[in-house]
Structures are given as C-alpha cells and as structure tokens.
C-alpha atoms as a PDB file:
ATOM      1  CA  UNK A   1     -62.924 -54.321  -6.268  1.00  0.00           C
ATOM      2  CA  UNK A   2     -63.902 -50.754  -6.816  1.00  0.00           C
ATOM      3  CA  UNK A   3     -65.318 -50.564  -3.367  1.00  0.00           C
ATOM      4  CA  UNK A   4     -62.092 -51.906  -1.879  1.00  0.00           C
ATOM      5  CA  UNK A   5     -60.034 -49.346  -3.771  1.00  0.00           C
ATOM      6  CA  UNK A   6     -62.314 -46.577  -2.584  1.00  0.00           C
ATOM      7  CA  UNK A   7     -61.905 -47.639   1.005  1.00  0.00           C
ATOM      8  CA  UNK A   8     -58.110 -47.677   0.720  1.00  0.00           C
ATOM      9  CA  UNK A   9     -58.159 -44.215  -0.811  1.00  0.00           C
ATOM     10  CA  UNK A  10     -60.288 -42.919   2.031  1.00  0.00           C
ATOM     11  CA  UNK A  11     -57.942 -44.378   4.632  1.00  0.00           C
ATOM     12  CA  UNK A  12     -54.919 -42.818   2.978  1.00  0.00           C
ATOM     13  CA  UNK A  13     -56.709 -39.466   2.806  1.00  0.00           C
ATOM     14  CA  UNK A  14     -57.497 -39.621   6.514  1.00  0.00           C
ATOM     15  CA  UNK A  15     -53.908 -40.617   7.349  1.00  0.00           C
ATOM     16  CA  UNK A  16     -52.563 -37.765   5.228  1.00  0.00           C
ATOM     17  CA  UNK A  17     -54.919 -35.348   6.883  1.00  0.00           C
ATOM     18  CA  UNK A  18     -53.849 -36.542  10.310  1.00  0.00           C
ATOM     19  CA  UNK A  19     -50.189 -36.289   9.321  1.00  0.00           C
ATOM     20  CA  UNK A  20     -50.618 -32.731   8.072  1.00  0.00           C
ATOM     21  CA  UNK A  21     -52.616 -31.845  11.118  1.00  0.00           C
ATOM     22  CA  UNK A  22     -49.907 -33.299  13.361  1.00  0.00           C
ATOM     23  CA  UNK A  23     -47.272 -31.102  11.806  1.00  0.00           C
ATOM     24  CA  UNK A  24     -49.439 -28.080  12.364  1.00  0.00           C
ATOM     25  CA  UNK A  25     -49.911 -28.940  16.008  1.00  0.00           C
ATOM     26  CA  UNK A  26     -46.236 -29.504  16.439  1.00  0.00           C
ATOM     27  CA  UNK A  27     -45.533 -26.064  15.001  1.00  0.00           C
ATOM     28  CA  UNK A  28     -48.178 -24.548  17.176  1.00  0.00           C
ATOM     29  CA  UNK A  29     -46.814 -26.325  20.260  1.00  0.00           C
ATOM     30  CA  UNK A  30     -43.166 -25.499  19.675  1.00  0.00           C
ATOM     31  CA  UNK A  31     -43.776 -21.860  18.867  1.00  0.00           C
ATOM     32  CA  UNK A  32     -44.718 -20.842  22.433  1.00  0.00           C
ATOM     33  CA  UNK A  33     -41.679 -22.698  23.834  1.00  0.00           C
ATOM     34  CA  UNK A  34     -39.354 -20.930  21.491  1.00  0.00           C
ATOM     35  CA  UNK A  35     -41.076 -17.634  22.245  1.00  0.00           C
ATOM     36  CA  UNK A  36     -40.441 -18.301  25.921  1.00  0.00           C
ATOM     37  CA  UNK A  37     -36.804 -18.975  25.175  1.00  0.00           C
ATOM     38  CA  UNK A  38     -36.642 -15.815  23.107  1.00  0.00           C
ATOM     39  CA  UNK A  39     -38.193 -13.717  25.821  1.00  0.00           C
ATOM     40  CA  UNK A  40     -35.716 -15.133  28.284  1.00  0.00           C
ATOM     41  CA  UNK A  41     -32.884 -14.175  25.964  1.00  0.00           C
ATOM     42  CA  UNK A  42     -34.276 -10.671  25.520  1.00  0.00           C
ATOM     43  CA  UNK A  43     -34.609  -9.983  29.261  1.00  0.00           C
ATOM     44  CA  UNK A  44     -31.365 -11.563  30.398  1.00  0.00           C
ATOM     45  CA  UNK A  45     -29.464  -8.330  31.032  1.00  0.00           C
ATOM     46  CA  UNK A  46     -26.711  -9.747  33.246  1.00  0.00           C
ATOM     47  CA  UNK A  47     -25.507 -12.660  31.056  1.00  0.00           C
ATOM     48  CA  UNK A  48     -25.122 -10.454  27.931  1.00  0.00           C
ATOM     49  CA  UNK A  49     -26.405 -13.331  25.667  1.00  0.00           C
ATOM     50  CA  UNK A  50     -27.808 -11.201  22.842  1.00  0.00           C
ATOM     51  CA  UNK A  51     -26.827 -13.907  20.336  1.00  0.00           C
ATOM     52  CA  UNK A  52     -29.511 -16.223  21.783  1.00  0.00           C
ATOM     53  CA  UNK A  53     -32.120 -13.587  21.157  1.00  0.00           C
ATOM     54  CA  UNK A  54     -30.938 -13.138  17.557  1.00  0.00           C
ATOM     55  CA  UNK A  55     -30.949 -16.870  16.821  1.00  0.00           C
ATOM     56  CA  UNK A  56     -34.491 -17.241  18.115  1.00  0.00           C
ATOM     57  CA  UNK A  57     -35.860 -14.925  15.487  1.00  0.00           C
ATOM     58  CA  UNK A  58     -36.997 -17.951  13.417  1.00  0.00           C
ATOM     59  CA  UNK A  59     -39.406 -18.976  16.112  1.00  0.00           C
ATOM     60  CA  UNK A  60     -40.411 -15.432  17.071  1.00  0.00           C
ATOM     61  CA  UNK A  61     -43.033 -15.415  14.244  1.00  0.00           C
ATOM     62  CA  UNK A  62     -46.767 -15.204  14.633  1.00  0.00           C
ATOM     63  CA  UNK A  63     -47.315 -18.896  14.052  1.00  0.00           C
ATOM     64  CA  UNK A  64     -45.660 -19.238  10.672  1.00  0.00           C
ATOM     65  CA  UNK A  65     -44.317 -22.805  10.207  1.00  0.00           C
ATOM     66  CA  UNK A  66     -41.359 -21.682   8.087  1.00  0.00           C
ATOM     67  CA  UNK A  67     -38.743 -24.262   9.170  1.00  0.00           C
ATOM     68  CA  UNK A  68     -35.559 -22.568   7.922  1.00  0.00           C
ATOM     69  CA  UNK A  69     -36.577 -18.982   8.895  1.00  0.00           C
ATOM     70  CA  UNK A  70     -34.255 -17.384   6.342  1.00  0.00           C
ATOM     71  CA  UNK A  71     -36.957 -15.437   4.523  1.00  0.00           C
ATOM     72  CA  UNK A  72     -39.303 -14.897   7.422  1.00  0.00           C
ATOM     73  CA  UNK A  73     -39.822 -11.165   7.371  1.00  0.00           C
ATOM     74  CA  UNK A  74     -41.595 -11.197  10.721  1.00  0.00           C
ATOM     75  CA  UNK A  75     -38.607 -12.888  12.347  1.00  0.00           C
ATOM     76  CA  UNK A  76     -35.955 -10.670  10.708  1.00  0.00           C
ATOM     77  CA  UNK A  77     -37.720  -7.430  11.547  1.00  0.00           C
ATOM     78  CA  UNK A  78     -38.474  -8.379  15.089  1.00  0.00           C
ATOM     79  CA  UNK A  79     -37.323  -5.213  16.848  1.00  0.00           C
ATOM     80  CA  UNK A  80     -37.881  -6.746  20.252  1.00  0.00           C
ATOM     81  CA  UNK A  81     -35.182  -9.316  19.543  1.00  0.00           C
ATOM     82  CA  UNK A  82     -32.605  -7.421  17.470  1.00  0.00           C
ATOM     83  CA  UNK A  83     -32.779  -3.991  19.122  1.00  0.00           C
ATOM     84  CA  UNK A  84     -33.375  -5.067  22.640  1.00  0.00           C
ATOM     85  CA  UNK A  85     -31.685  -2.207  24.510  1.00  0.00           C
ATOM     86  CA  UNK A  86     -31.895  -4.089  27.767  1.00  0.00           C
ATOM     87  CA  UNK A  87     -29.765  -6.943  26.433  1.00  0.00           C
ATOM     88  CA  UNK A  88     -27.353  -5.123  24.095  1.00  0.00           C
ATOM     89  CA  UNK A  89     -26.672  -1.876  25.990  1.00  0.00           C
ATOM     90  CA  UNK A  90     -27.010  -2.981  29.574  1.00  0.00           C
ATOM     91  CA  UNK A  91     -24.214  -1.060  31.307  1.00  0.00           C
ATOM     92  CA  UNK A  92     -24.637  -3.088  34.470  1.00  0.00           C
ATOM     93  CA  UNK A  93     -23.877  -6.334  32.627  1.00  0.00           C
ATOM     94  CA  UNK A  94     -21.103  -5.141  30.303  1.00  0.00           C
ATOM     95  CA  UNK A  95     -19.175  -2.831  32.650  1.00  0.00           C
ATOM     96  CA  UNK A  96     -19.907  -4.487  35.980  1.00  0.00           C
ATOM     97  CA  UNK A  97     -16.807  -6.692  36.224  1.00  0.00           C
ATOM     98  CA  UNK A  98     -14.542  -3.803  35.115  1.00  0.00           C
ATOM     99  CA  UNK A  99     -15.778  -1.386  37.816  1.00  0.00           C
ATOM    100  CA  UNK A 100     -15.944  -4.001  40.565  1.00  0.00           C
ATOM    101  CA  UNK A 101     -12.299  -5.073  40.202  1.00  0.00           C
ATOM    102  CA  UNK A 102      -9.428  -2.776  41.020  1.00  0.00           C
ATOM    103  CA  UNK A 103     -11.266  -0.186  43.111  1.00  0.00           C
ATOM    104  CA  UNK A 104     -11.576  -2.282  46.269  1.00  0.00           C
ATOM    105  CA  UNK A 105      -7.966  -3.581  46.411  1.00  0.00           C
ATOM    106  CA  UNK A 106      -6.641  -0.076  45.631  1.00  0.00           C
ATOM    107  CA  UNK A 107      -8.683   1.613  48.371  1.00  0.00           C
ATOM    108  CA  UNK A 108      -8.236  -1.181  50.937  1.00  0.00           C
ATOM    109  CA  UNK A 109      -4.816  -0.156  52.189  1.00  0.00           C
ATOM    110  CA  UNK A 110      -5.218  -1.574  55.703  1.00  0.00           C
ATOM    111  CA  UNK A 111      -2.684  -0.573  58.309  1.00  0.00           C
ATOM    112  CA  UNK A 112       0.348  -1.075  56.066  1.00  0.00           C
ATOM    113  CA  UNK A 113       3.738  -2.439  57.172  1.00  0.00           C
ATOM    114  CA  UNK A 114       4.912  -1.781  60.745  1.00  0.00           C
ATOM    115  CA  UNK A 115       6.767   1.478  61.310  1.00  0.00           C
ATOM    116  CA  UNK A 116      10.509   1.612  62.003  1.00  0.00           C
ATOM    117  CA  UNK A 117      11.541   0.520  65.483  1.00  0.00           C
ATOM    118  CA  UNK A 118      14.508  -0.349  67.719  1.00  0.00           C
ATOM    119  CA  UNK A 119      15.119  -4.032  68.338  1.00  0.00           C
ATOM    120  CA  UNK A 120      17.726  -6.230  69.961  1.00  0.00           C
ATOM    121  CA  UNK A 121      18.980  -7.166  73.428  1.00  0.00           C
ATOM    122  CA  UNK A 122      21.026  -4.550  75.340  1.00  0.00           C
ATOM    123  CA  UNK A 123      24.463  -5.562  76.596  1.00  0.00           C
ATOM    124  CA  UNK A 124      24.729  -6.186  80.337  1.00  0.00           C
ATOM    125  CA  UNK A 125      26.186  -3.322  82.395  1.00  0.00           C
ATOM    126  CA  UNK A 126      28.788  -5.619  83.933  1.00  0.00           C
ATOM    127  CA  UNK A 127      30.391  -6.004  80.488  1.00  0.00           C
ATOM    128  CA  UNK A 128      31.599  -2.368  80.464  1.00  0.00           C
ATOM    129  CA  UNK A 129      34.563  -0.776  82.167  1.00  0.00           C
ATOM    130  CA  UNK A 130      34.328   2.420  84.206  1.00  0.00           C
ATOM    131  CA  UNK A 131      35.219   4.665  81.262  1.00  0.00           C
ATOM    132  CA  UNK A 132      32.488   3.369  78.912  1.00  0.00           C
ATOM    133  CA  UNK A 133      29.878   2.525  81.536  1.00  0.00           C
ATOM    134  CA  UNK A 134      28.107   5.883  81.354  1.00  0.00           C
ATOM    135  CA  UNK A 135      27.589   5.508  77.586  1.00  0.00           C
ATOM    136  CA  UNK A 136      25.139   2.640  78.156  1.00  0.00           C
ATOM    137  CA  UNK A 137      21.709   3.942  79.170  1.00  0.00           C
ATOM    138  CA  UNK A 138      20.632   2.489  82.499  1.00  0.00           C
ATOM    139  CA  UNK A 139      24.201   1.726  83.657  1.00  0.00           C
ATOM    140  CA  UNK A 140      26.265   3.597  86.251  1.00  0.00           C
ATOM    141  CA  UNK A 141      29.583   3.217  88.028  1.00  0.00           C
ATOM    142  CA  UNK A 142      29.767   1.992  91.587  1.00  0.00           C
ATOM    143  CA  UNK A 143      32.562   0.716  93.723  1.00  0.00           C
ATOM    144  CA  UNK A 144      33.928  -0.052  97.169  1.00  0.00           C
ATOM    145  CA  UNK A 145      36.851   1.426  99.009  1.00  0.00           C
ATOM    146  CA  UNK A 146      39.457  -1.043 100.148  1.00  0.00           C
ATOM    147  CA  UNK A 147      42.931  -0.953 101.700  1.00  0.00           C
ATOM    148  CA  UNK A 148      44.457   0.321 104.973  1.00  0.00           C
ATOM    149  CA  UNK A 149      44.485   4.013 105.847  1.00  0.00           C
ATOM    150  CA  UNK A 150      47.911   5.504 106.698  1.00  0.00           C
ATOM    151  CA  UNK A 151      48.338   6.567 110.327  1.00  0.00           C
ATOM    152  CA  UNK A 152      48.145  10.260 111.090  1.00  0.00           C
ATOM    153  CA  UNK A 153      51.630  10.316 112.634  1.00  0.00           C
ATOM    154  CA  UNK A 154      53.170   9.553 109.245  1.00  0.00           C
ATOM    155  CA  UNK A 155      52.337  13.058 107.920  1.00  0.00           C
ATOM    156  CA  UNK A 156      54.659  15.943 108.794  1.00  0.00           C
ATOM    157  CA  UNK A 157      53.102  18.495 106.449  1.00  0.00           C
ATOM    158  CA  UNK A 158      49.884  20.246 107.386  1.00  0.00           C
ATOM    159  CA  UNK A 159      48.237  19.978 103.916  1.00  0.00           C
ATOM    160  CA  UNK A 160      48.819  16.264 103.639  1.00  0.00           C
ATOM    161  CA  UNK A 161      47.647  15.716 107.172  1.00  0.00           C
ATOM    162  CA  UNK A 162      44.367  17.497 106.645  1.00  0.00           C
ATOM    163  CA  UNK A 163      43.585  15.407 103.529  1.00  0.00           C
ATOM    164  CA  UNK A 164      43.659  12.238 105.586  1.00  0.00           C
ATOM    165  CA  UNK A 165      40.169  11.815 107.026  1.00  0.00           C
ATOM    166  CA  UNK A 166      40.335  11.421 110.794  1.00  0.00           C
ATOM    167  CA  UNK A 167      43.584  13.376 111.190  1.00  0.00           C
ATOM    168  CA  UNK A 168      44.134  16.924 112.488  1.00  0.00           C
ATOM    169  CA  UNK A 169      47.075  19.291 112.300  1.00  0.00           C
ATOM    170  CA  UNK A 170      47.664  20.517 115.841  1.00  0.00           C
ATOM    171  CA  UNK A 171      50.345  21.397 118.402  1.00  0.00           C
ATOM    172  CA  UNK A 172      51.580  18.873 120.914  1.00  0.00           C
ATOM    173  CA  UNK A 173      54.010  18.773 123.796  1.00  0.00           C
ATOM    174  CA  UNK A 174      56.571  16.126 123.158  1.00  0.00           C
ATOM    175  CA  UNK A 175      59.678  14.841 124.856  1.00  0.00           C
ATOM    176  CA  UNK A 176      60.482  13.473 128.320  1.00  0.00           C
ATOM    177  CA  UNK A 177      60.313  15.686 131.378  1.00  0.00           C
ATOM    178  CA  UNK A 178      63.477  15.948 133.500  1.00  0.00           C
ATOM    179  CA  UNK A 179      63.271  13.774 136.681  1.00  0.00           C
ATOM    180  CA  UNK A 180      62.709  15.530 140.011  1.00  0.00           C
ATOM    181  CA  UNK A 181      65.882  14.071 141.498  1.00  0.00           C
ATOM    182  CA  UNK A 182      67.897  16.178 139.080  1.00  0.00           C
ATOM    183  CA  UNK A 183      66.921  19.403 140.814  1.00  0.00           C
ATOM    184  CA  UNK A 184      68.983  20.751 143.726  1.00  0.00           C
ATOM    185  CA  UNK A 185      67.044  23.964 144.240  1.00  0.00           C
ATOM    186  CA  UNK A 186      63.555  24.374 145.657  1.00  0.00           C
ATOM    187  CA  UNK A 187      62.260  26.789 142.953  1.00  0.00           C
ATOM    188  CA  UNK A 188      63.297  24.768 139.955  1.00  0.00           C
ATOM    189  CA  UNK A 189      62.116  21.588 141.676  1.00  0.00           C
ATOM    190  CA  UNK A 190      58.644  22.934 142.221  1.00  0.00           C
ATOM    191  CA  UNK A 191      58.452  24.429 138.718  1.00  0.00           C
ATOM    192  CA  UNK A 192      58.966  20.951 137.363  1.00  0.00           C
ATOM    193  CA  UNK A 193      56.020  19.760 139.357  1.00  0.00           C
ATOM    194  CA  UNK A 194      58.149  18.095 141.949  1.00  0.00           C
ATOM    195  CA  UNK A 195      58.192  18.490 145.781  1.00  0.00           C
ATOM    196  CA  UNK A 196      61.029  20.000 147.777  1.00  0.00           C
ATOM    197  CA  UNK A 197      61.985  18.190 150.965  1.00  0.00           C
ATOM    198  CA  UNK A 198      63.535  20.833 153.284  1.00  0.00           C
ATOM    199  CA  UNK A 199      64.865  18.355 155.871  1.00  0.00           C
ATOM    200  CA  UNK A 200      67.005  16.708 153.344  1.00  0.00           C
ATOM    201  CA  UNK A 201      67.055  19.514 150.817  1.00  0.00           C
ATOM    202  CA  UNK A 202      66.167  17.134 148.054  1.00  0.00           C
ATOM    203  CA  UNK A 203      63.633  17.258 145.170  1.00  0.00           C
ATOM    204  CA  UNK A 204      61.283  14.318 145.300  1.00  0.00           C
ATOM    205  CA  UNK A 205      58.283  13.119 143.306  1.00  0.00           C
ATOM    206  CA  UNK A 206      57.548  12.800 139.577  1.00  0.00           C
ATOM    207  CA  UNK A 207      57.524  15.668 137.053  1.00  0.00           C
ATOM    208  CA  UNK A 208      54.519  16.364 134.886  1.00  0.00           C
ATOM    209  CA  UNK A 209      54.723  14.249 131.740  1.00  0.00           C
ATOM    210  CA  UNK A 210      55.071  16.263 128.550  1.00  0.00           C
ATOM    211  CA  UNK A 211      51.823  14.956 127.037  1.00  0.00           C
ATOM    212  CA  UNK A 212      49.895  16.103 130.101  1.00  0.00           C
ATOM    213  CA  UNK A 213      50.506  19.809 129.551  1.00  0.00           C
ATOM    214  CA  UNK A 214      47.526  21.778 128.219  1.00  0.00           C
ATOM    215  CA  UNK A 215      49.110  24.499 126.145  1.00  0.00           C
ATOM    216  CA  UNK A 216      52.282  25.658 124.516  1.00  0.00           C
ATOM    217  CA  UNK A 217      53.332  27.853 127.475  1.00  0.00           C
ATOM    218  CA  UNK A 218      53.184  25.069 130.046  1.00  0.00           C
ATOM    219  CA  UNK A 219      54.982  22.695 127.684  1.00  0.00           C
ATOM    220  CA  UNK A 220      57.879  25.050 127.102  1.00  0.00           C
ATOM    221  CA  UNK A 221      58.185  25.749 130.845  1.00  0.00           C
ATOM    222  CA  UNK A 222      58.725  22.062 131.584  1.00  0.00           C
ATOM    223  CA  UNK A 223      62.302  20.948 131.158  1.00  0.00           C
ATOM    224  CA  UNK A 224      62.711  18.090 128.726  1.00  0.00           C
ATOM    225  CA  UNK A 225      59.470  18.998 126.868  1.00  0.00           C
ATOM    226  CA  UNK A 226      58.958  20.992 123.662  1.00  0.00           C
ATOM    227  CA  UNK A 227      55.900  22.237 121.777  1.00  0.00           C
ATOM    228  CA  UNK A 228      55.633  21.290 118.135  1.00  0.00           C
ATOM    229  CA  UNK A 229      52.943  20.948 115.408  1.00  0.00           C
ATOM    230  CA  UNK A 230      52.130  17.375 114.452  1.00  0.00           C
ATOM    231  CA  UNK A 231      49.490  15.359 112.549  1.00  0.00           C
ATOM    232  CA  UNK A 232      47.429  13.713 115.203  1.00  0.00           C
ATOM    233  CA  UNK A 233      44.280  11.640 115.404  1.00  0.00           C
ATOM    234  CA  UNK A 234      42.966   8.352 114.005  1.00  0.00           C
ATOM    235  CA  UNK A 235      42.665   7.925 110.265  1.00  0.00           C
ATOM    236  CA  UNK A 236      39.256   6.632 109.093  1.00  0.00           C
ATOM    237  CA  UNK A 237      39.059   3.055 107.843  1.00  0.00           C
ATOM    238  CA  UNK A 238      38.834   2.632 104.063  1.00  0.00           C
ATOM    239  CA  UNK A 239      35.646   0.565 104.272  1.00  0.00           C
ATOM    240  CA  UNK A 240      33.671   3.519 105.668  1.00  0.00           C
ATOM    241  CA  UNK A 241      34.621   5.978 102.957  1.00  0.00           C
ATOM    242  CA  UNK A 242      32.764   7.012  99.803  1.00  0.00           C
ATOM    243  CA  UNK A 243      34.369   6.708  96.389  1.00  0.00           C
ATOM    244  CA  UNK A 244      35.452  10.372  96.362  1.00  0.00           C
ATOM    245  CA  UNK A 245      36.811  10.197  99.912  1.00  0.00           C
ATOM    246  CA  UNK A 246      38.569   6.939  99.122  1.00  0.00           C
ATOM    247  CA  UNK A 247      40.499   8.534  96.289  1.00  0.00           C
ATOM    248  CA  UNK A 248      41.955  11.142  98.684  1.00  0.00           C
ATOM    249  CA  UNK A 249      42.654   8.777 101.578  1.00  0.00           C
ATOM    250  CA  UNK A 250      46.274   7.622 101.704  1.00  0.00           C
ATOM    251  CA  UNK A 251      46.429   3.819 101.735  1.00  0.00           C
ATOM    252  CA  UNK A 252      42.925   3.355 100.230  1.00  0.00           C
ATOM    253  CA  UNK A 253      41.827   2.561  96.687  1.00  0.00           C
ATOM    254  CA  UNK A 254      38.476   2.381  94.874  1.00  0.00           C
ATOM    255  CA  UNK A 255      37.506  -0.935  93.326  1.00  0.00           C
ATOM    256  CA  UNK A 256      35.047   0.529  90.797  1.00  0.00           C
ATOM    257  CA  UNK A 257      32.694  -1.497  88.582  1.00  0.00           C
ATOM    258  CA  UNK A 258      29.862  -0.833  86.126  1.00  0.00           C
ATOM    259  CA  UNK A 259      26.430  -1.875  87.383  1.00  0.00           C
ATOM    260  CA  UNK A 260      22.711  -1.313  86.940  1.00  0.00           C
ATOM    261  CA  UNK A 261      20.107  -2.451  84.413  1.00  0.00           C
ATOM    262  CA  UNK A 262      20.493  -1.422  80.743  1.00  0.00           C
ATOM    263  CA  UNK A 263      17.515   0.300  79.125  1.00  0.00           C
ATOM    264  CA  UNK A 264      15.499  -1.995  76.817  1.00  0.00           C
ATOM    265  CA  UNK A 265      15.989  -1.469  73.066  1.00  0.00           C
ATOM    266  CA  UNK A 266      12.248  -1.010  72.500  1.00  0.00           C
ATOM    267  CA  UNK A 267      12.365   2.143  74.639  1.00  0.00           C
ATOM    268  CA  UNK A 268      14.325   4.123  72.024  1.00  0.00           C
ATOM    269  CA  UNK A 269      12.376   6.068  69.410  1.00  0.00           C
ATOM    270  CA  UNK A 270      15.233   7.410  67.298  1.00  0.00           C
ATOM    271  CA  UNK A 271      17.981   5.781  65.252  1.00  0.00           C
ATOM    272  CA  UNK A 272      20.831   7.562  67.053  1.00  0.00           C
ATOM    273  CA  UNK A 273      19.634   6.677  70.540  1.00  0.00           C
ATOM    274  CA  UNK A 274      18.963   3.087  69.470  1.00  0.00           C
ATOM    275  CA  UNK A 275      22.355   2.493  67.891  1.00  0.00           C
ATOM    276  CA  UNK A 276      24.201   4.155  70.802  1.00  0.00           C
ATOM    277  CA  UNK A 277      22.875   1.455  73.116  1.00  0.00           C
ATOM    278  CA  UNK A 278      25.157  -1.561  72.781  1.00  0.00           C
ATOM    279  CA  UNK A 279      23.240  -4.619  71.597  1.00  0.00           C
ATOM    280  CA  UNK A 280      20.436  -2.634  69.918  1.00  0.00           C
ATOM    281  CA  UNK A 281      19.841  -2.007  66.211  1.00  0.00           C
ATOM    282  CA  UNK A 282      17.323  -0.022  64.155  1.00  0.00           C
ATOM    283  CA  UNK A 283      14.849  -1.938  61.978  1.00  0.00           C
ATOM    284  CA  UNK A 284      13.801  -0.052  58.841  1.00  0.00           C
END
C-alpha cells in the first residue's frame, strides 16, 4: 500500500514538473514572436502605428514570464519601444499626405479654357441691297446695264449730246438742193452742180445733195442747203457699257446687285470686326 502511494506521488511530481516546464517553454517560445512583432512596430515608420509598439512592452522583457506586464520594469522602461523616434517623429509618415495633396492640382493648370473667338455663319452677300452690301466683308456690288440707248438725233444741245456714248456734236449740211431745171442761167446752173445745155439754153442734170457737201462753205453755196450743228453718230448699246457709263447713257439703267463670298467669322480677331459681320457673334 505504501509502495503504491509512493508511486502515485512520484507520477504526480513528474506531471507537475512537466506542466511547469511546459509553461516555461511556452513563455520562452512566445517571447521571440512578440519581440518580432515589437520590432516590426518600432520600425514601421510609414504606418505611424506607435500604439502597437507601446502595447508590446509586456513581451519586450528579457524572458520574464510576467503575464499581466503591469509591474514589469523592463517593459515599462523600454526606451526602444516608447521613445522610438523613427515611429513617433517620422515626418515622412505624418506629413506625407498633407504635402502630397494640394500642390499638384494647384500647379497643374494645363492649357486653361479656350480664348475668346468669333463664331457663327456669315450672311450671304445676295441678302444685302446695294447700300448695305459694302458693310459685309467679302461682298461687293455688281450689276448689268440694260435698256435701249436714245438715238443721237434726239439731242439738240451740245452738252447732252456729248454725254451720250457714240454721239458727236458736229456741223452738217441739211436740206434739199434746188433742182437743176429751176435754173435759167448758165452760171447759177453750174454753181448748183448742174449742166448747161446751150442748144436749148436749159439747165439739166442733178444738183449735189446737201449731205454730200464737205464743209460749211460748200453747203451754204448750194441753194436749198444750210449748215447747222447737230448731234450725230450711233449711240452705244446699253449691254456694252460699264456701270458708270450706264448711269450717264440716256435710255439705259443699271440693274445692280450685291455679290461675292462673305468672309468667314473665324477670320475676325476683334469683337468690333466680328459683330460688324452679319451672322457672326463674339464668344467670351
């Protein structure tokens, strides 16, 4: 009986020793892991997790198995953990986000909004009358002369005659020459351009026509003819005249229109020029 009790006591002693030894090993095994965690907390400068380093002070002992760590002087005075300048005062970790934001958007201005410009579609030149045509850049007046020119003979004043293109103010021998048969004397008969027949003492032939005389003297010497200034010639047709000539030609008129190609709105670089062009507007 005594022997049996002794054996039981020995077994219990061994079990207790193994139990106590197991706790010691566990403490020894866990301590390095926690030290690794603590070192990671101390060197983590970018995550700013100083609280992890402070909470690991219980396991940052030199092998002490104090489970609650409240009175562990080695853990509390661990300057590596509490005063780790890399973790607590790391300017790169604490101020990084503040300096990275704001500077790039402020300095990245890009090209900015487009500058002011002239936009729109210019009004067609054909939409304007002659008076306003010249106000539209790229447009000009043009026209054709139409009508029937007045004959030169209709003008009896020199100034009016000379304005009619194709007409001239000149002298002319007009009238109807006296017939040769009217003359009974040889001299007057021959002066009229007729022939005197001595056998019969008659004037025969045909007198010079008034229009056939070459100058004022000959005209006035021919009976029945007279020299006078007239508007003579052939007035030019309206279709062959320019706009300016057409305006002065009696019987002609200018059919003027506005034509051409209006200048594009994008060609104007100033507000005034842009807004003067019909159909264009300035974009601010």
